[in-house]
Amino acid sequence: MNSTYRDIILLVLVVVIAVAPMVMYSGLGDEEGYFTGTDDVASEIVEDAGYEPNPITLWEPPSGEIESLLFAVQAAIGGIVLGYFIGKWQGEAKRDED
């Protein structure tokens, strides 16, 4: 198979995979929350059971932007640690190969 044909087939598959969910969505169920996830359903069940979350927090960020910043920093640190160990393991495997 020629690489041009393969590229065209892959491009068509990507378009089909991207467009198919939007075409299949009929709009029915919007009032019930068509795209509600398990978090929404679970929180409704917990609230119906009468549970109230603990209102005591150790520290609350002064704004939503700071909260987002802290979340991004946490994600970056996790990515750095994960990347370090994956790189280390690949480096060791490559060194053992030689």
PDB file of N, CA and C in Angstrom:
ATOM      1  N   MET A   1       0.853  -1.171   0.000  1.00  0.00           N
ATOM      2  CA  MET A   1       0.000   0.000   0.000  1.00  0.00           C
ATOM      3  C   MET A   1       0.899   1.234   0.000  1.00  0.00           C
ATOM      4  N   ASN A   2       0.583   2.116  -0.860  1.00  0.00           N
ATOM      5  CA  ASN A   2       1.335   3.357  -0.987  1.00  0.00           C
ATOM      6  C   ASN A   2       1.106   4.235   0.252  1.00  0.00           C
ATOM      7  N   SER A   3       2.123   4.960   0.659  1.00  0.00           N
ATOM      8  CA  SER A   3       2.001   5.767   1.874  1.00  0.00           C
ATOM      9  C   SER A   3       0.977   6.884   1.713  1.00  0.00           C
ATOM     10  N   THR A   4       0.772   7.358   0.489  1.00  0.00           N
ATOM     11  CA  THR A   4      -0.226   8.404   0.255  1.00  0.00           C
ATOM     12  C   THR A   4      -1.626   7.879   0.528  1.00  0.00           C
ATOM     13  N   TYR A   5      -1.907   6.684   0.049  1.00  0.00           N
ATOM     14  CA  TYR A   5      -3.223   6.076   0.294  1.00  0.00           C
ATOM     15  C   TYR A   5      -3.431   5.802   1.782  1.00  0.00           C
ATOM     16  N   ARG A   6      -2.377   5.352   2.431  1.00  0.00           N
ATOM     17  CA  ARG A   6      -2.471   5.090   3.872  1.00  0.00           C
ATOM     18  C   ARG A   6      -2.774   6.375   4.630  1.00  0.00           C
ATOM     19  N   ASP A   7      -2.110   7.452   4.246  1.00  0.00           N
ATOM     20  CA  ASP A   7      -2.338   8.746   4.901  1.00  0.00           C
ATOM     21  C   ASP A   7      -3.765   9.236   4.687  1.00  0.00           C
ATOM     22  N   ILE A   8      -4.279   9.049   3.477  1.00  0.00           N
ATOM     23  CA  ILE A   8      -5.648   9.462   3.184  1.00  0.00           C
ATOM     24  C   ILE A   8      -6.638   8.646   3.993  1.00  0.00           C
ATOM     25  N   ILE A   9      -6.409   7.347   4.093  1.00  0.00           N
ATOM     26  CA  ILE A   9      -7.297   6.482   4.876  1.00  0.00           C
ATOM     27  C   ILE A   9      -7.269   6.879   6.348  1.00  0.00           C
ATOM     28  N   LEU A  10      -6.089   7.150   6.866  1.00  0.00           N
ATOM     29  CA  LEU A  10      -5.978   7.564   8.268  1.00  0.00           C
ATOM     30  C   LEU A  10      -6.661   8.903   8.504  1.00  0.00           C
ATOM     31  N   LEU A  11      -6.533   9.829   7.574  1.00  0.00           N
ATOM     32  CA  LEU A  11      -7.184  11.118   7.701  1.00  0.00           C
ATOM     33  C   LEU A  11      -8.703  10.964   7.700  1.00  0.00           C
ATOM     34  N   VAL A  12      -9.216  10.121   6.809  1.00  0.00           N
ATOM     35  CA  VAL A  12     -10.661   9.872   6.773  1.00  0.00           C
ATOM     36  C   VAL A  12     -11.124   9.241   8.079  1.00  0.00           C
ATOM     37  N   LEU A  13     -10.361   8.308   8.624  1.00  0.00           N
ATOM     38  CA  LEU A  13     -10.723   7.684   9.900  1.00  0.00           C
ATOM     39  C   LEU A  13     -10.749   8.703  11.031  1.00  0.00           C
ATOM     40  N   VAL A  14      -9.788   9.592  11.061  1.00  0.00           N
ATOM     41  CA  VAL A  14      -9.755  10.626  12.097  1.00  0.00           C
ATOM     42  C   VAL A  14     -10.979  11.526  11.995  1.00  0.00           C
ATOM     43  N   VAL A  15     -11.329  11.913  10.775  1.00  0.00           N
ATOM     44  CA  VAL A  15     -12.496  12.766  10.585  1.00  0.00           C
ATOM     45  C   VAL A  15     -13.761  12.037  11.011  1.00  0.00           C
ATOM     46  N   VAL A  16     -13.892  10.759  10.642  1.00  0.00           N
ATOM     47  CA  VAL A  16     -15.073   9.987  11.027  1.00  0.00           C
ATOM     48  C   VAL A  16     -15.161   9.864  12.542  1.00  0.00           C
ATOM     49  N   ILE A  17     -14.043   9.585  13.193  1.00  0.00           N
ATOM     50  CA  ILE A  17     -14.041   9.443  14.653  1.00  0.00           C
ATOM     51  C   ILE A  17     -14.380  10.769  15.330  1.00  0.00           C
ATOM     52  N   ALA A  18     -13.946  11.881  14.762  1.00  0.00           N
ATOM     53  CA  ALA A  18     -14.221  13.187  15.364  1.00  0.00           C
ATOM     54  C   ALA A  18     -15.647  13.650  15.104  1.00  0.00           C
ATOM     55  N   VAL A  19     -16.197  13.330  13.939  1.00  0.00           N
ATOM     56  CA  VAL A  19     -17.506  13.852  13.555  1.00  0.00           C
ATOM     57  C   VAL A  19     -18.643  12.929  13.999  1.00  0.00           C
ATOM     58  N   ALA A  20     -18.421  11.633  14.059  1.00  0.00           N
ATOM     59  CA  ALA A  20     -19.484  10.676  14.367  1.00  0.00           C
ATOM     60  C   ALA A  20     -20.203  10.974  15.682  1.00  0.00           C
ATOM     61  N   PRO A  21     -19.537  11.265  16.787  1.00  0.00           N
ATOM     62  CA  PRO A  21     -20.270  11.555  18.022  1.00  0.00           C
ATOM     63  C   PRO A  21     -21.162  12.788  17.912  1.00  0.00           C
ATOM     64  N   MET A  22     -20.705  13.788  17.153  1.00  0.00           N
ATOM     65  CA  MET A  22     -21.527  14.991  17.005  1.00  0.00           C
ATOM     66  C   MET A  22     -22.756  14.719  16.149  1.00  0.00           C
ATOM     67  N   VAL A  23     -22.628  13.861  15.167  1.00  0.00           N
ATOM     68  CA  VAL A  23     -23.759  13.526  14.313  1.00  0.00           C
ATOM     69  C   VAL A  23     -24.738  12.632  15.063  1.00  0.00           C
ATOM     70  N   MET A  24     -24.211  11.733  15.875  1.00  0.00           N
ATOM     71  CA  MET A  24     -25.071  10.790  16.597  1.00  0.00           C
ATOM     72  C   MET A  24     -25.855  11.466  17.717  1.00  0.00           C
ATOM     73  N   TYR A  25     -25.363  12.589  18.232  1.00  0.00           N
ATOM     74  CA  TYR A  25     -26.066  13.300  19.293  1.00  0.00           C
ATOM     75  C   TYR A  25     -27.350  13.885  18.731  1.00  0.00           C
ATOM     76  N   SER A  26     -28.455  13.453  19.287  1.00  0.00           N
ATOM     77  CA  SER A  26     -29.748  13.872  18.744  1.00  0.00           C
ATOM     78  C   SER A  26     -30.318  15.088  19.456  1.00  0.00           C
ATOM     79  N   GLY A  27     -29.764  15.469  20.595  1.00  0.00           N
ATOM     80  CA  GLY A  27     -30.303  16.596  21.340  1.00  0.00           C
ATOM     81  C   GLY A  27     -31.380  16.177  22.320  1.00  0.00           C
ATOM     82  N   LEU A  28     -31.778  14.923  22.271  1.00  0.00           N
ATOM     83  CA  LEU A  28     -32.800  14.447  23.194  1.00  0.00           C
ATOM     84  C   LEU A  28     -32.204  14.290  24.581  1.00  0.00           C
ATOM     85  N   GLY A  29     -32.971  14.596  25.565  1.00  0.00           N
ATOM     86  CA  GLY A  29     -32.517  14.408  26.931  1.00  0.00           C
ATOM     87  C   GLY A  29     -31.769  15.583  27.506  1.00  0.00           C
ATOM     88  N   ASP A  30     -31.768  16.724  26.829  1.00  0.00           N
ATOM     89  CA  ASP A  30     -31.052  17.881  27.358  1.00  0.00           C
ATOM     90  C   ASP A  30     -31.626  18.342  28.688  1.00  0.00           C
ATOM     91  N   GLU A  31     -32.939  18.249  28.827  1.00  0.00           N
ATOM     92  CA  GLU A  31     -33.536  18.696  30.081  1.00  0.00           C
ATOM     93  C   GLU A  31     -33.166  17.775  31.243  1.00  0.00           C
ATOM     94  N   GLU A  32     -32.821  16.552  30.940  1.00  0.00           N
ATOM     95  CA  GLU A  32     -32.431  15.600  31.989  1.00  0.00           C
ATOM     96  C   GLU A  32     -30.924  15.561  32.171  1.00  0.00           C
ATOM     97  N   GLY A  33     -30.224  16.259  31.352  1.00  0.00           N
ATOM     98  CA  GLY A  33     -28.771  16.251  31.439  1.00  0.00           C
ATOM     99  C   GLY A  33     -28.200  15.119  30.611  1.00  0.00           C
ATOM    100  N   TYR A  34     -28.183  15.286  29.316  1.00  0.00           N
ATOM    101  CA  TYR A  34     -27.730  14.231  28.403  1.00  0.00           C
ATOM    102  C   TYR A  34     -26.291  13.833  28.681  1.00  0.00           C
ATOM    103  N   PHE A  35     -25.469  14.806  29.033  1.00  0.00           N
ATOM    104  CA  PHE A  35     -24.057  14.530  29.252  1.00  0.00           C
ATOM    105  C   PHE A  35     -23.691  14.500  30.737  1.00  0.00           C
ATOM    106  N   THR A  36     -24.617  14.169  31.592  1.00  0.00           N
ATOM    107  CA  THR A  36     -24.275  14.094  33.011  1.00  0.00           C
ATOM    108  C   THR A  36     -23.377  12.886  33.246  1.00  0.00           C
ATOM    109  N   GLY A  37     -22.432  13.070  34.109  1.00  0.00           N
ATOM    110  CA  GLY A  37     -21.496  12.003  34.406  1.00  0.00           C
ATOM    111  C   GLY A  37     -21.805  11.366  35.743  1.00  0.00           C
ATOM    112  N   THR A  38     -20.973  10.435  36.124  1.00  0.00           N
ATOM    113  CA  THR A  38     -21.193   9.733  37.381  1.00  0.00           C
ATOM    114  C   THR A  38     -21.017  10.651  38.578  1.00  0.00           C
ATOM    115  N   ASP A  39     -20.200  11.688  38.447  1.00  0.00           N
ATOM    116  CA  ASP A  39     -20.040  12.624  39.558  1.00  0.00           C
ATOM    117  C   ASP A  39     -21.360  13.315  39.881  1.00  0.00           C
ATOM    118  N   ASP A  40     -22.080  13.732  38.857  1.00  0.00           N
ATOM    119  CA  ASP A  40     -23.362  14.399  39.072  1.00  0.00           C
ATOM    120  C   ASP A  40     -24.371  13.444  39.696  1.00  0.00           C
ATOM    121  N   VAL A  41     -24.420  12.226  39.182  1.00  0.00           N
ATOM    122  CA  VAL A  41     -25.375  11.244  39.689  1.00  0.00           C
ATOM    123  C   VAL A  41     -25.029  10.884  41.132  1.00  0.00           C
ATOM    124  N   ALA A  42     -23.752  10.676  41.400  1.00  0.00           N
ATOM    125  CA  ALA A  42     -23.339  10.305  42.753  1.00  0.00           C
ATOM    126  C   ALA A  42     -23.615  11.430  43.741  1.00  0.00           C
ATOM    127  N   SER A  43     -23.368  12.666  43.341  1.00  0.00           N
ATOM    128  CA  SER A  43     -23.616  13.774  44.272  1.00  0.00           C
ATOM    129  C   SER A  43     -25.103  13.912  44.563  1.00  0.00           C
ATOM    130  N   GLU A  44     -25.946  13.640  43.585  1.00  0.00           N
ATOM    131  CA  GLU A  44     -27.387  13.678  43.834  1.00  0.00           C
ATOM    132  C   GLU A  44     -27.796  12.586  44.820  1.00  0.00           C
ATOM    133  N   ILE A  45     -27.235  11.402  44.677  1.00  0.00           N
ATOM    134  CA  ILE A  45     -27.568  10.298  45.588  1.00  0.00           C
ATOM    135  C   ILE A  45     -27.116  10.629  47.000  1.00  0.00           C
ATOM    136  N   VAL A  46     -25.920  11.196  47.132  1.00  0.00           N
ATOM    137  CA  VAL A  46     -25.399  11.542  48.453  1.00  0.00           C
ATOM    138  C   VAL A  46     -26.241  12.635  49.090  1.00  0.00           C
ATOM    139  N   GLU A  47     -26.630  13.647  48.303  1.00  0.00           N
ATOM    140  CA  GLU A  47     -27.451  14.722  48.846  1.00  0.00           C
ATOM    141  C   GLU A  47     -28.831  14.211  49.254  1.00  0.00           C
ATOM    142  N   ASP A  48     -29.378  13.272  48.494  1.00  0.00           N
ATOM    143  CA  ASP A  48     -30.685  12.704  48.830  1.00  0.00           C
ATOM    144  C   ASP A  48     -30.617  11.891  50.116  1.00  0.00           C
ATOM    145  N   ALA A  49     -29.446  11.342  50.423  1.00  0.00           N
ATOM    146  CA  ALA A  49     -29.292  10.545  51.641  1.00  0.00           C
ATOM    147  C   ALA A  49     -29.168  11.426  52.877  1.00  0.00           C
ATOM    148  N   GLY A  50     -29.016  12.736  52.691  1.00  0.00           N
ATOM    149  CA  GLY A  50     -28.947  13.647  53.821  1.00  0.00           C
ATOM    150  C   GLY A  50     -27.539  13.928  54.310  1.00  0.00           C
ATOM    151  N   TYR A  51     -26.533  13.485  53.602  1.00  0.00           N
ATOM    152  CA  TYR A  51     -25.156  13.737  54.010  1.00  0.00           C
ATOM    153  C   TYR A  51     -24.790  15.186  53.727  1.00  0.00           C
ATOM    154  N   GLU A  52     -24.114  15.801  54.670  1.00  0.00           N
ATOM    155  CA  GLU A  52     -23.608  17.153  54.474  1.00  0.00           C
ATOM    156  C   GLU A  52     -22.094  17.119  54.623  1.00  0.00           C
ATOM    157  N   PRO A  53     -21.368  17.706  53.681  1.00  0.00           N
ATOM    158  CA  PRO A  53     -19.912  17.669  53.755  1.00  0.00           C
ATOM    159  C   PRO A  53     -19.390  18.473  54.941  1.00  0.00           C
ATOM    160  N   ASN A  54     -18.202  18.133  55.371  1.00  0.00           N
ATOM    161  CA  ASN A  54     -17.555  18.809  56.473  1.00  0.00           C
ATOM    162  C   ASN A  54     -17.195  20.232  56.044  1.00  0.00           C
ATOM    163  N   PRO A  55     -17.713  21.251  56.726  1.00  0.00           N
ATOM    164  CA  PRO A  55     -17.451  22.623  56.294  1.00  0.00           C
ATOM    165  C   PRO A  55     -16.090  23.158  56.727  1.00  0.00           C
ATOM    166  N   ILE A  56     -15.350  22.404  57.517  1.00  0.00           N
ATOM    167  CA  ILE A  56     -14.069  22.884  58.026  1.00  0.00           C
ATOM    168  C   ILE A  56     -12.984  22.620  56.985  1.00  0.00           C
ATOM    169  N   THR A  57     -12.294  23.667  56.560  1.00  0.00           N
ATOM    170  CA  THR A  57     -11.159  23.522  55.657  1.00  0.00           C
ATOM    171  C   THR A  57      -9.935  24.124  56.331  1.00  0.00           C
ATOM    172  N   LEU A  58      -8.769  23.582  56.028  1.00  0.00           N
ATOM    173  CA  LEU A  58      -7.543  24.100  56.615  1.00  0.00           C
ATOM    174  C   LEU A  58      -7.194  25.463  56.031  1.00  0.00           C
ATOM    175  N   TRP A  59      -7.348  25.601  54.708  1.00  0.00           N
ATOM    176  CA  TRP A  59      -7.028  26.859  54.045  1.00  0.00           C
ATOM    177  C   TRP A  59      -7.822  26.941  52.764  1.00  0.00           C
ATOM    178  N   GLU A  60      -8.373  28.066  52.491  1.00  0.00           N
ATOM    179  CA  GLU A  60      -9.108  28.269  51.253  1.00  0.00           C
ATOM    180  C   GLU A  60      -8.420  29.368  50.467  1.00  0.00           C
ATOM    181  N   PRO A  61      -8.103  29.098  49.197  1.00  0.00           N
ATOM    182  CA  PRO A  61      -7.441  30.126  48.392  1.00  0.00           C
ATOM    183  C   PRO A  61      -8.309  31.373  48.283  1.00  0.00           C
ATOM    184  N   PRO A  62      -7.680  32.544  48.238  1.00  0.00           N
ATOM    185  CA  PRO A  62      -8.450  33.785  48.191  1.00  0.00           C
ATOM    186  C   PRO A  62      -9.247  33.975  46.895  1.00  0.00           C
ATOM    187  N   SER A  63      -8.843  33.303  45.802  1.00  0.00           N
ATOM    188  CA  SER A  63      -9.594  33.456  44.557  1.00  0.00           C
ATOM    189  C   SER A  63      -9.496  32.188  43.730  1.00  0.00           C
ATOM    190  N   GLY A  64     -10.356  32.103  42.733  1.00  0.00           N
ATOM    191  CA  GLY A  64     -10.354  30.949  41.848  1.00  0.00           C
ATOM    192  C   GLY A  64      -9.104  30.856  41.005  1.00  0.00           C
ATOM    193  N   GLU A  65      -8.507  32.020  40.687  1.00  0.00           N
ATOM    194  CA  GLU A  65      -7.287  32.019  39.888  1.00  0.00           C
ATOM    195  C   GLU A  65      -6.132  31.372  40.648  1.00  0.00           C
ATOM    196  N   ILE A  66      -6.036  31.663  41.931  1.00  0.00           N
ATOM    197  CA  ILE A  66      -4.969  31.057  42.738  1.00  0.00           C
ATOM    198  C   ILE A  66      -5.197  29.566  42.874  1.00  0.00           C
ATOM    199  N   GLU A  67      -6.445  29.166  43.018  1.00  0.00           N
ATOM    200  CA  GLU A  67      -6.763  27.746  43.085  1.00  0.00           C
ATOM    201  C   GLU A  67      -6.350  27.047  41.788  1.00  0.00           C
ATOM    202  N   SER A  68      -6.634  27.672  40.648  1.00  0.00           N
ATOM    203  CA  SER A  68      -6.239  27.107  39.359  1.00  0.00           C
ATOM    204  C   SER A  68      -4.719  27.054  39.231  1.00  0.00           C
ATOM    205  N   LEU A  69      -4.043  28.094  39.704  1.00  0.00           N
ATOM    206  CA  LEU A  69      -2.589  28.123  39.660  1.00  0.00           C
ATOM    207  C   LEU A  69      -2.000  26.980  40.473  1.00  0.00           C
ATOM    208  N   LEU A  70      -2.500  26.771  41.678  1.00  0.00           N
ATOM    209  CA  LEU A  70      -1.995  25.693  42.525  1.00  0.00           C
ATOM    210  C   LEU A  70      -2.244  24.328  41.889  1.00  0.00           C
ATOM    211  N   PHE A  71      -3.398  24.169  41.254  1.00  0.00           N
ATOM    212  CA  PHE A  71      -3.695  22.911  40.575  1.00  0.00           C
ATOM    213  C   PHE A  71      -2.726  22.690  39.416  1.00  0.00           C
ATOM    214  N   ALA A  72      -2.446  23.751  38.650  1.00  0.00           N
ATOM    215  CA  ALA A  72      -1.515  23.633  37.531  1.00  0.00           C
ATOM    216  C   ALA A  72      -0.103  23.320  38.014  1.00  0.00           C
ATOM    217  N   VAL A  73       0.319  23.942  39.106  1.00  0.00           N
ATOM    218  CA  VAL A  73       1.644  23.654  39.660  1.00  0.00           C
ATOM    219  C   VAL A  73       1.718  22.202  40.118  1.00  0.00           C
ATOM    220  N   GLN A  74       0.658  21.720  40.752  1.00  0.00           N
ATOM    221  CA  GLN A  74       0.617  20.327  41.189  1.00  0.00           C
ATOM    222  C   GLN A  74       0.713  19.392  39.987  1.00  0.00           C
ATOM    223  N   ALA A  75      -0.007  19.688  38.920  1.00  0.00           N
ATOM    224  CA  ALA A  75       0.047  18.862  37.716  1.00  0.00           C
ATOM    225  C   ALA A  75       1.432  18.898  37.083  1.00  0.00           C
ATOM    226  N   ALA A  76       2.067  20.079  37.073  1.00  0.00           N
ATOM    227  CA  ALA A  76       3.405  20.200  36.495  1.00  0.00           C
ATOM    228  C   ALA A  76       4.421  19.388  37.296  1.00  0.00           C
ATOM    229  N   ILE A  77       4.334  19.456  38.599  1.00  0.00           N
ATOM    230  CA  ILE A  77       5.259  18.682  39.437  1.00  0.00           C
ATOM    231  C   ILE A  77       5.066  17.190  39.188  1.00  0.00           C
ATOM    232  N   GLY A  78       3.822  16.752  39.101  1.00  0.00           N
ATOM    233  CA  GLY A  78       3.551  15.344  38.814  1.00  0.00           C
ATOM    234  C   GLY A  78       4.087  14.936  37.454  1.00  0.00           C
ATOM    235  N   GLY A  79       3.937  15.793  36.452  1.00  0.00           N
ATOM    236  CA  GLY A  79       4.463  15.493  35.124  1.00  0.00           C
ATOM    237  C   GLY A  79       5.974  15.413  35.106  1.00  0.00           C
ATOM    238  N   ILE A  80       6.617  16.308  35.840  1.00  0.00           N
ATOM    239  CA  ILE A  80       8.079  16.293  35.912  1.00  0.00           C
ATOM    240  C   ILE A  80       8.575  15.014  36.569  1.00  0.00           C
ATOM    241  N   VAL A  81       7.957  14.629  37.672  1.00  0.00           N
ATOM    242  CA  VAL A  81       8.364  13.406  38.369  1.00  0.00           C
ATOM    243  C   VAL A  81       8.140  12.189  37.481  1.00  0.00           C
ATOM    244  N   LEU A  82       6.975  12.117  36.852  1.00  0.00           N
ATOM    245  CA  LEU A  82       6.674  10.990  35.974  1.00  0.00           C
ATOM    246  C   LEU A  82       7.647  10.948  34.798  1.00  0.00           C
ATOM    247  N   GLY A  83       7.902  12.086  34.169  1.00  0.00           N
ATOM    248  CA  GLY A  83       8.845  12.137  33.057  1.00  0.00           C
ATOM    249  C   GLY A  83      10.253  11.757  33.463  1.00  0.00           C
ATOM    250  N   TYR A  84      10.664  12.162  34.661  1.00  0.00           N
ATOM    251  CA  TYR A  84      12.000  11.810  35.139  1.00  0.00           C
ATOM    252  C   TYR A  84      12.160  10.304  35.256  1.00  0.00           C
ATOM    253  N   PHE A  85      11.189   9.658  35.891  1.00  0.00           N
ATOM    254  CA  PHE A  85      11.317   8.214  36.096  1.00  0.00           C
ATOM    255  C   PHE A  85      11.186   7.430  34.794  1.00  0.00           C
ATOM    256  N   ILE A  86      10.319   7.861  33.900  1.00  0.00           N
ATOM    257  CA  ILE A  86      10.215   7.174  32.610  1.00  0.00           C
ATOM    258  C   ILE A  86      11.518   7.341  31.831  1.00  0.00           C
ATOM    259  N   GLY A  87      12.080   8.552  31.822  1.00  0.00           N
ATOM    260  CA  GLY A  87      13.358   8.769  31.150  1.00  0.00           C
ATOM    261  C   GLY A  87      14.483   7.974  31.773  1.00  0.00           C
ATOM    262  N   LYS A  88      14.475   7.887  33.083  1.00  0.00           N
ATOM    263  CA  LYS A  88      15.513   7.119  33.779  1.00  0.00           C
ATOM    264  C   LYS A  88      15.428   5.643  33.419  1.00  0.00           C
ATOM    265  N   TRP A  89      14.222   5.088  33.416  1.00  0.00           N
ATOM    266  CA  TRP A  89      14.056   3.667  33.089  1.00  0.00           C
ATOM    267  C   TRP A  89      14.420   3.394  31.635  1.00  0.00           C
ATOM    268  N   GLN A  90      14.065   4.300  30.727  1.00  0.00           N
ATOM    269  CA  GLN A  90      14.432   4.105  29.329  1.00  0.00           C
ATOM    270  C   GLN A  90      15.948   4.224  29.142  1.00  0.00           C
ATOM    271  N   GLY A  91      16.552   5.152  29.843  1.00  0.00           N
ATOM    272  CA  GLY A  91      18.006   5.300  29.765  1.00  0.00           C
ATOM    273  C   GLY A  91      18.736   4.079  30.278  1.00  0.00           C
ATOM    274  N   GLU A  92      18.255   3.520  31.376  1.00  0.00           N
ATOM    275  CA  GLU A  92      18.867   2.319  31.917  1.00  0.00           C
ATOM    276  C   GLU A  92      18.691   1.148  30.977  1.00  0.00           C
ATOM    277  N   ALA A  93      17.511   1.027  30.360  1.00  0.00           N
ATOM    278  CA  ALA A  93      17.264  -0.059  29.426  1.00  0.00           C
ATOM    279  C   ALA A  93      18.157   0.079  28.199  1.00  0.00           C
ATOM    280  N   LYS A  94      18.342   1.305  27.709  1.00  0.00           N
ATOM    281  CA  LYS A  94      19.189   1.524  26.546  1.00  0.00           C
ATOM    282  C   LYS A  94      20.646   1.242  26.887  1.00  0.00           C
ATOM    283  N   ARG A  95      21.069   1.630  28.102  1.00  0.00           N
ATOM    284  CA  ARG A  95      22.445   1.391  28.516  1.00  0.00           C
ATOM    285  C   ARG A  95      22.706  -0.095  28.673  1.00  0.00           C
ATOM    286  N   ASP A  96      21.733  -0.856  29.196  1.00  0.00           N
ATOM    287  CA  ASP A  96      21.888  -2.289  29.359  1.00  0.00           C
ATOM    288  C   ASP A  96      21.922  -3.003  28.009  1.00  0.00           C
ATOM    289  N   GLU A  97      21.253  -2.418  27.004  1.00  0.00           N
ATOM    290  CA  GLU A  97      21.237  -2.998  25.669  1.00  0.00           C
ATOM    291  C   GLU A  97      22.613  -2.940  25.034  1.00  0.00           C
ATOM    292  N   ASP A  98      23.313  -1.854  25.244  1.00  0.00           N
ATOM    293  CA  ASP A  98      24.621  -1.652  24.583  1.00  0.00           C
ATOM    294  C   ASP A  98      25.691  -2.484  25.179  1.00  0.00           C
TER     295      ASP A  98
END
